[in-house]
């Protein structure tokens, strides 16, 4: 498996895909799967059911999804 040479907190720019040209900080790195999460890139909508015992409302939650590190470039 290829080594990821990025760190959490690095500023990167997306160079391919639907989010091309966007920049953001790295939030998480999954070294086992070889994927990274970039702030504001590859947004995913997840439908969450209401939980009355924990007093949590339901709804649609948006969060960042993983992308491959070869699709980003480090910004200096």
PDB file of N, CA and C in Angstrom:
ATOM      1  N   UNK A   1       0.840  -1.180   0.000  1.00  0.00           N
ATOM      2  CA  UNK A   1       0.000   0.000   0.000  1.00  0.00           C
ATOM      3  C   UNK A   1       0.888   1.247   0.000  1.00  0.00           C
ATOM      4  N   UNK A   2       0.449   2.235  -0.722  1.00  0.00           N
ATOM      5  CA  UNK A   2       1.213   3.474  -0.846  1.00  0.00           C
ATOM      6  C   UNK A   2       1.153   4.279   0.445  1.00  0.00           C
ATOM      7  N   UNK A   3       2.250   4.914   0.780  1.00  0.00           N
ATOM      8  CA  UNK A   3       2.334   5.709   1.998  1.00  0.00           C
ATOM      9  C   UNK A   3       1.711   7.087   1.764  1.00  0.00           C
ATOM     10  N   UNK A   4       0.904   7.538   2.719  1.00  0.00           N
ATOM     11  CA  UNK A   4       0.294   8.868   2.640  1.00  0.00           C
ATOM     12  C   UNK A   4       1.264   9.859   3.265  1.00  0.00           C
ATOM     13  N   UNK A   5       1.679  10.855   2.505  1.00  0.00           N
ATOM     14  CA  UNK A   5       2.667  11.819   2.978  1.00  0.00           C
ATOM     15  C   UNK A   5       2.023  13.130   3.420  1.00  0.00           C
ATOM     16  N   UNK A   6       0.793  13.060   3.845  1.00  0.00           N
ATOM     17  CA  UNK A   6       0.071  14.235   4.322  1.00  0.00           C
ATOM     18  C   UNK A   6      -0.199  14.086   5.813  1.00  0.00           C
ATOM     19  N   UNK A   7      -0.445  15.227   6.477  1.00  0.00           N
ATOM     20  CA  UNK A   7      -0.734  15.219   7.906  1.00  0.00           C
ATOM     21  C   UNK A   7      -2.084  15.896   8.148  1.00  0.00           C
ATOM     22  N   UNK A   8      -2.646  15.601   9.296  1.00  0.00           N
ATOM     23  CA  UNK A   8      -3.869  16.265   9.706  1.00  0.00           C
ATOM     24  C   UNK A   8      -3.573  17.756   9.883  1.00  0.00           C
ATOM     25  N   UNK A   9      -4.424  18.600   9.305  1.00  0.00           N
ATOM     26  CA  UNK A   9      -4.232  20.040   9.408  1.00  0.00           C
ATOM     27  C   UNK A   9      -3.549  20.663   8.197  1.00  0.00           C
ATOM     28  N   UNK A  10      -3.014  19.844   7.286  1.00  0.00           N
ATOM     29  CA  UNK A  10      -2.395  20.376   6.064  1.00  0.00           C
ATOM     30  C   UNK A  10      -3.457  21.007   5.174  1.00  0.00           C
ATOM     31  N   UNK A  11      -3.090  22.077   4.480  1.00  0.00           N
ATOM     32  CA  UNK A  11      -3.984  22.729   3.534  1.00  0.00           C
ATOM     33  C   UNK A  11      -3.772  22.101   2.166  1.00  0.00           C
ATOM     34  N   UNK A  12      -4.856  21.574   1.577  1.00  0.00           N
ATOM     35  CA  UNK A  12      -4.754  20.893   0.287  1.00  0.00           C
ATOM     36  C   UNK A  12      -5.781  21.458  -0.684  1.00  0.00           C
ATOM     37  N   UNK A  13      -5.524  21.239  -1.981  1.00  0.00           N
ATOM     38  CA  UNK A  13      -6.434  21.632  -3.044  1.00  0.00           C
ATOM     39  C   UNK A  13      -6.818  20.392  -3.825  1.00  0.00           C
ATOM     40  N   UNK A  14      -8.099  20.259  -4.141  1.00  0.00           N
ATOM     41  CA  UNK A  14      -8.586  19.118  -4.905  1.00  0.00           C
ATOM     42  C   UNK A  14      -8.272  19.361  -6.372  1.00  0.00           C
ATOM     43  N   UNK A  15      -7.648  18.371  -7.034  1.00  0.00           N
ATOM     44  CA  UNK A  15      -7.223  18.557  -8.426  1.00  0.00           C
ATOM     45  C   UNK A  15      -8.070  17.770  -9.419  1.00  0.00           C
ATOM     46  N   UNK A  16      -8.886  16.810  -8.954  1.00  0.00           N
ATOM     47  CA  UNK A  16      -9.766  16.067  -9.856  1.00  0.00           C
ATOM     48  C   UNK A  16     -11.110  15.830  -9.196  1.00  0.00           C
ATOM     49  N   UNK A  17     -12.115  15.522 -10.008  1.00  0.00           N
ATOM     50  CA  UNK A  17     -13.433  15.185  -9.487  1.00  0.00           C
ATOM     51  C   UNK A  17     -14.392  16.362  -9.477  1.00  0.00           C
ATOM     52  N   UNK A  18     -15.547  16.143  -8.865  1.00  0.00           N
ATOM     53  CA  UNK A  18     -16.599  17.157  -8.834  1.00  0.00           C
ATOM     54  C   UNK A  18     -16.197  18.392  -8.037  1.00  0.00           C
ATOM     55  N   UNK A  19     -15.340  18.237  -7.050  1.00  0.00           N
ATOM     56  CA  UNK A  19     -14.939  19.345  -6.186  1.00  0.00           C
ATOM     57  C   UNK A  19     -13.603  19.962  -6.611  1.00  0.00           C
ATOM     58  N   UNK A  20     -13.255  19.833  -7.890  1.00  0.00           N
ATOM     59  CA  UNK A  20     -11.979  20.360  -8.382  1.00  0.00           C
ATOM     60  C   UNK A  20     -11.865  21.860  -8.124  1.00  0.00           C
ATOM     61  N   UNK A  21     -10.705  22.274  -7.599  1.00  0.00           N
ATOM     62  CA  UNK A  21     -10.449  23.683  -7.323  1.00  0.00           C
ATOM     63  C   UNK A  21     -10.742  24.097  -5.891  1.00  0.00           C
ATOM     64  N   UNK A  22     -11.451  23.284  -5.133  1.00  0.00           N
ATOM     65  CA  UNK A  22     -11.743  23.633  -3.747  1.00  0.00           C
ATOM     66  C   UNK A  22     -10.517  23.363  -2.874  1.00  0.00           C
ATOM     67  N   UNK A  23     -10.376  24.182  -1.835  1.00  0.00           N
ATOM     68  CA  UNK A  23      -9.277  23.989  -0.890  1.00  0.00           C
ATOM     69  C   UNK A  23      -9.861  23.793   0.498  1.00  0.00           C
ATOM     70  N   UNK A  24      -9.103  23.110   1.341  1.00  0.00           N
ATOM     71  CA  UNK A  24      -9.544  22.883   2.703  1.00  0.00           C
ATOM     72  C   UNK A  24      -8.476  22.174   3.509  1.00  0.00           C
ATOM     73  N   UNK A  25      -8.673  22.134   4.817  1.00  0.00           N
ATOM     74  CA  UNK A  25      -7.737  21.460   5.710  1.00  0.00           C
ATOM     75  C   UNK A  25      -8.113  19.992   5.826  1.00  0.00           C
ATOM     76  N   UNK A  26      -7.105  19.158   6.044  1.00  0.00           N
ATOM     77  CA  UNK A  26      -7.344  17.734   6.250  1.00  0.00           C
ATOM     78  C   UNK A  26      -7.868  17.539   7.670  1.00  0.00           C
ATOM     79  N   UNK A  27      -9.029  16.875   7.774  1.00  0.00           N
ATOM     80  CA  UNK A  27      -9.648  16.635   9.070  1.00  0.00           C
ATOM     81  C   UNK A  27      -9.264  15.274   9.636  1.00  0.00           C
ATOM     82  N   UNK A  28      -9.252  14.242   8.794  1.00  0.00           N
ATOM     83  CA  UNK A  28      -8.942  12.878   9.239  1.00  0.00           C
ATOM     84  C   UNK A  28      -8.143  12.160   8.160  1.00  0.00           C
ATOM     85  N   UNK A  29      -7.332  11.202   8.603  1.00  0.00           N
ATOM     86  CA  UNK A  29      -6.587  10.336   7.692  1.00  0.00           C
ATOM     87  C   UNK A  29      -6.832   8.895   8.116  1.00  0.00           C
ATOM     88  N   UNK A  30      -7.305   8.080   7.174  1.00  0.00           N
ATOM     89  CA  UNK A  30      -7.493   6.646   7.427  1.00  0.00           C
ATOM     90  C   UNK A  30      -6.383   5.920   6.673  1.00  0.00           C
ATOM     91  N   UNK A  31      -5.321   5.597   7.372  1.00  0.00           N
ATOM     92  CA  UNK A  31      -4.144   4.995   6.738  1.00  0.00           C
ATOM     93  C   UNK A  31      -4.382   3.550   6.317  1.00  0.00           C
ATOM     94  N   UNK A  32      -5.296   2.849   6.981  1.00  0.00           N
ATOM     95  CA  UNK A  32      -5.580   1.465   6.597  1.00  0.00           C
ATOM     96  C   UNK A  32      -6.301   1.393   5.255  1.00  0.00           C
ATOM     97  N   UNK A  33      -7.274   2.287   5.048  1.00  0.00           N
ATOM     98  CA  UNK A  33      -8.004   2.301   3.777  1.00  0.00           C
ATOM     99  C   UNK A  33      -7.342   3.202   2.744  1.00  0.00           C
ATOM    100  N   UNK A  34      -6.385   4.024   3.174  1.00  0.00           N
ATOM    101  CA  UNK A  34      -5.698   4.923   2.253  1.00  0.00           C
ATOM    102  C   UNK A  34      -6.582   6.061   1.782  1.00  0.00           C
ATOM    103  N   UNK A  35      -7.347   6.664   2.690  1.00  0.00           N
ATOM    104  CA  UNK A  35      -8.268   7.745   2.360  1.00  0.00           C
ATOM    105  C   UNK A  35      -8.095   8.907   3.327  1.00  0.00           C
ATOM    106  N   UNK A  36      -8.499  10.104   2.864  1.00  0.00           N
ATOM    107  CA  UNK A  36      -8.443  11.294   3.706  1.00  0.00           C
ATOM    108  C   UNK A  36      -9.785  12.014   3.658  1.00  0.00           C
ATOM    109  N   UNK A  37     -10.033  12.851   4.664  1.00  0.00           N
ATOM    110  CA  UNK A  37     -11.226  13.690   4.716  1.00  0.00           C
ATOM    111  C   UNK A  37     -10.763  15.137   4.702  1.00  0.00           C
ATOM    112  N   UNK A  38     -11.316  15.917   3.752  1.00  0.00           N
ATOM    113  CA  UNK A  38     -10.952  17.327   3.612  1.00  0.00           C
ATOM    114  C   UNK A  38     -12.172  18.174   3.957  1.00  0.00           C
ATOM    115  N   UNK A  39     -11.943  19.247   4.696  1.00  0.00           N
ATOM    116  CA  UNK A  39     -13.013  20.125   5.155  1.00  0.00           C
ATOM    117  C   UNK A  39     -13.753  20.752   3.970  1.00  0.00           C
ATOM    118  N   UNK A  40     -15.079  20.529   3.901  1.00  0.00           N
ATOM    119  CA  UNK A  40     -15.914  21.139   2.869  1.00  0.00           C
ATOM    120  C   UNK A  40     -15.863  20.460   1.517  1.00  0.00           C
ATOM    121  N   UNK A  41     -15.258  19.290   1.416  1.00  0.00           N
ATOM    122  CA  UNK A  41     -15.110  18.583   0.139  1.00  0.00           C
ATOM    123  C   UNK A  41     -15.821  17.234   0.237  1.00  0.00           C
ATOM    124  N   UNK A  42     -16.483  16.819  -0.850  1.00  0.00           N
ATOM    125  CA  UNK A  42     -17.181  15.531  -0.944  1.00  0.00           C
ATOM    126  C   UNK A  42     -18.241  15.409   0.146  1.00  0.00           C
ATOM    127  N   UNK A  43     -19.135  16.395   0.189  1.00  0.00           N
ATOM    128  CA  UNK A  43     -20.176  16.427   1.215  1.00  0.00           C
ATOM    129  C   UNK A  43     -21.202  15.326   0.964  1.00  0.00           C
ATOM    130  N   UNK A  44     -21.538  14.596   2.047  1.00  0.00           N
ATOM    131  CA  UNK A  44     -22.470  13.480   2.004  1.00  0.00           C
ATOM    132  C   UNK A  44     -23.657  13.811   2.896  1.00  0.00           C
ATOM    133  N   UNK A  45     -24.868  13.476   2.439  1.00  0.00           N
ATOM    134  CA  UNK A  45     -26.059  13.675   3.259  1.00  0.00           C
ATOM    135  C   UNK A  45     -26.452  12.341   3.867  1.00  0.00           C
ATOM    136  N   UNK A  46     -26.683  12.350   5.178  1.00  0.00           N
ATOM    137  CA  UNK A  46     -27.078  11.145   5.898  1.00  0.00           C
ATOM    138  C   UNK A  46     -28.400  11.410   6.601  1.00  0.00           C
ATOM    139  N   UNK A  47     -29.368  10.507   6.418  1.00  0.00           N
ATOM    140  CA  UNK A  47     -30.669  10.635   7.051  1.00  0.00           C
ATOM    141  C   UNK A  47     -30.608   9.991   8.432  1.00  0.00           C
ATOM    142  N   UNK A  48     -30.900  10.780   9.446  1.00  0.00           N
ATOM    143  CA  UNK A  48     -30.802  10.307  10.826  1.00  0.00           C
ATOM    144  C   UNK A  48     -32.193  10.248  11.435  1.00  0.00           C
ATOM    145  N   UNK A  49     -32.506   9.115  12.053  1.00  0.00           N
ATOM    146  CA  UNK A  49     -33.801   8.916  12.682  1.00  0.00           C
ATOM    147  C   UNK A  49     -33.822   9.593  14.055  1.00  0.00           C
ATOM    148  N   UNK A  50     -34.983  10.075  14.427  1.00  0.00           N
ATOM    149  CA  UNK A  50     -35.159  10.728  15.720  1.00  0.00           C
ATOM    150  C   UNK A  50     -34.980   9.705  16.838  1.00  0.00           C
ATOM    151  N   UNK A  51     -34.347  10.135  17.941  1.00  0.00           N
ATOM    152  CA  UNK A  51     -34.136   9.268  19.091  1.00  0.00           C
ATOM    153  C   UNK A  51     -34.781   9.924  20.317  1.00  0.00           C
ATOM    154  N   UNK A  52     -36.006   9.527  20.666  1.00  0.00           N
ATOM    155  CA  UNK A  52     -36.685  10.205  21.778  1.00  0.00           C
ATOM    156  C   UNK A  52     -36.059   9.926  23.141  1.00  0.00           C
ATOM    157  N   UNK A  53     -35.428   8.764  23.343  1.00  0.00           N
ATOM    158  CA  UNK A  53     -34.822   8.473  24.640  1.00  0.00           C
ATOM    159  C   UNK A  53     -33.657   9.417  24.934  1.00  0.00           C
ATOM    160  N   UNK A  54     -32.861   9.713  23.940  1.00  0.00           N
ATOM    161  CA  UNK A  54     -31.718  10.602  24.128  1.00  0.00           C
ATOM    162  C   UNK A  54     -32.078  12.061  23.829  1.00  0.00           C
ATOM    163  N   UNK A  55     -33.366  12.308  23.514  1.00  0.00           N
ATOM    164  CA  UNK A  55     -33.844  13.661  23.218  1.00  0.00           C
ATOM    165  C   UNK A  55     -33.082  14.283  22.047  1.00  0.00           C
ATOM    166  N   UNK A  56     -32.821  13.483  21.001  1.00  0.00           N
ATOM    167  CA  UNK A  56     -32.115  13.974  19.818  1.00  0.00           C
ATOM    168  C   UNK A  56     -33.100  14.068  18.654  1.00  0.00           C
ATOM    169  N   UNK A  57     -33.120  15.200  17.961  1.00  0.00           N
ATOM    170  CA  UNK A  57     -34.019  15.321  16.811  1.00  0.00           C
ATOM    171  C   UNK A  57     -33.460  14.565  15.597  1.00  0.00           C
ATOM    172  N   UNK A  58     -34.357  14.211  14.710  1.00  0.00           N
ATOM    173  CA  UNK A  58     -33.935  13.576  13.466  1.00  0.00           C
ATOM    174  C   UNK A  58     -33.704  14.625  12.403  1.00  0.00           C
ATOM    175  N   UNK A  59     -33.376  14.179  11.199  1.00  0.00           N
ATOM    176  CA  UNK A  59     -33.184  15.103  10.097  1.00  0.00           C
ATOM    177  C   UNK A  59     -32.102  14.630   9.158  1.00  0.00           C
ATOM    178  N   UNK A  60     -31.737  15.521   8.268  1.00  0.00           N
ATOM    179  CA  UNK A  60     -30.700  15.222   7.286  1.00  0.00           C
ATOM    180  C   UNK A  60     -29.424  15.924   7.733  1.00  0.00           C
ATOM    181  N   UNK A  61     -28.364  15.148   7.904  1.00  0.00           N
ATOM    182  CA  UNK A  61     -27.085  15.676   8.371  1.00  0.00           C
ATOM    183  C   UNK A  61     -26.084  15.620   7.234  1.00  0.00           C
ATOM    184  N   UNK A  62     -25.360  16.709   7.039  1.00  0.00           N
ATOM    185  CA  UNK A  62     -24.320  16.746   6.014  1.00  0.00           C
ATOM    186  C   UNK A  62     -22.953  16.659   6.674  1.00  0.00           C
ATOM    187  N   UNK A  63     -22.069  15.805   6.126  1.00  0.00           N
ATOM    188  CA  UNK A  63     -20.705  15.733   6.618  1.00  0.00           C
ATOM    189  C   UNK A  63     -19.782  15.352   5.474  1.00  0.00           C
ATOM    190  N   UNK A  64     -18.488  15.490   5.703  1.00  0.00           N
ATOM    191  CA  UNK A  64     -17.506  15.225   4.667  1.00  0.00           C
ATOM    192  C   UNK A  64     -17.292  13.727   4.496  1.00  0.00           C
ATOM    193  N   UNK A  65     -17.099  13.311   3.251  1.00  0.00           N
ATOM    194  CA  UNK A  65     -16.780  11.921   2.955  1.00  0.00           C
ATOM    195  C   UNK A  65     -15.293  11.781   2.658  1.00  0.00           C
ATOM    196  N   UNK A  66     -14.833  10.544   2.563  1.00  0.00           N
ATOM    197  CA  UNK A  66     -13.428  10.281   2.281  1.00  0.00           C
ATOM    198  C   UNK A  66     -13.127  10.449   0.792  1.00  0.00           C
ATOM    199  N   UNK A  67     -11.903  10.851   0.475  1.00  0.00           N
ATOM    200  CA  UNK A  67     -11.408  10.882  -0.899  1.00  0.00           C
ATOM    201  C   UNK A  67     -10.004  10.283  -0.912  1.00  0.00           C
ATOM    202  N   UNK A  68      -9.551   9.931  -2.089  1.00  0.00           N
ATOM    203  CA  UNK A  68      -8.213   9.339  -2.223  1.00  0.00           C
ATOM    204  C   UNK A  68      -7.170  10.456  -2.214  1.00  0.00           C
ATOM    205  N   UNK A  69      -6.029  10.238  -1.554  1.00  0.00           N
ATOM    206  CA  UNK A  69      -5.009  11.294  -1.472  1.00  0.00           C
ATOM    207  C   UNK A  69      -4.378  11.673  -2.806  1.00  0.00           C
ATOM    208  N   UNK A  70      -4.527  10.826  -3.824  1.00  0.00           N
ATOM    209  CA  UNK A  70      -3.959  11.173  -5.128  1.00  0.00           C
ATOM    210  C   UNK A  70      -4.775  12.270  -5.816  1.00  0.00           C
ATOM    211  N   UNK A  71      -5.969  12.552  -5.311  1.00  0.00           N
ATOM    212  CA  UNK A  71      -6.832  13.577  -5.890  1.00  0.00           C
ATOM    213  C   UNK A  71      -6.618  14.955  -5.284  1.00  0.00           C
ATOM    214  N   UNK A  72      -5.641  15.094  -4.392  1.00  0.00           N
ATOM    215  CA  UNK A  72      -5.375  16.394  -3.770  1.00  0.00           C
ATOM    216  C   UNK A  72      -3.895  16.759  -3.955  1.00  0.00           C
ATOM    217  N   UNK A  73      -3.661  18.069  -3.841  1.00  0.00           N
ATOM    218  CA  UNK A  73      -2.304  18.602  -3.925  1.00  0.00           C
ATOM    219  C   UNK A  73      -2.087  19.508  -2.733  1.00  0.00           C
ATOM    220  N   UNK A  74      -0.916  19.407  -2.127  1.00  0.00           N
ATOM    221  CA  UNK A  74      -0.564  20.216  -0.977  1.00  0.00           C
ATOM    222  C   UNK A  74      -0.385  21.668  -1.391  1.00  0.00           C
ATOM    223  N   UNK A  75      -1.013  22.587  -0.651  1.00  0.00           N
ATOM    224  CA  UNK A  75      -0.901  24.024  -0.912  1.00  0.00           C
ATOM    225  C   UNK A  75       0.071  24.588   0.098  1.00  0.00           C
ATOM    226  N   UNK A  76       1.024  25.379  -0.378  1.00  0.00           N
ATOM    227  CA  UNK A  76       2.044  25.930   0.533  1.00  0.00           C
ATOM    228  C   UNK A  76       1.668  27.287   1.027  1.00  0.00           C
TER     229      UNK A  76
END
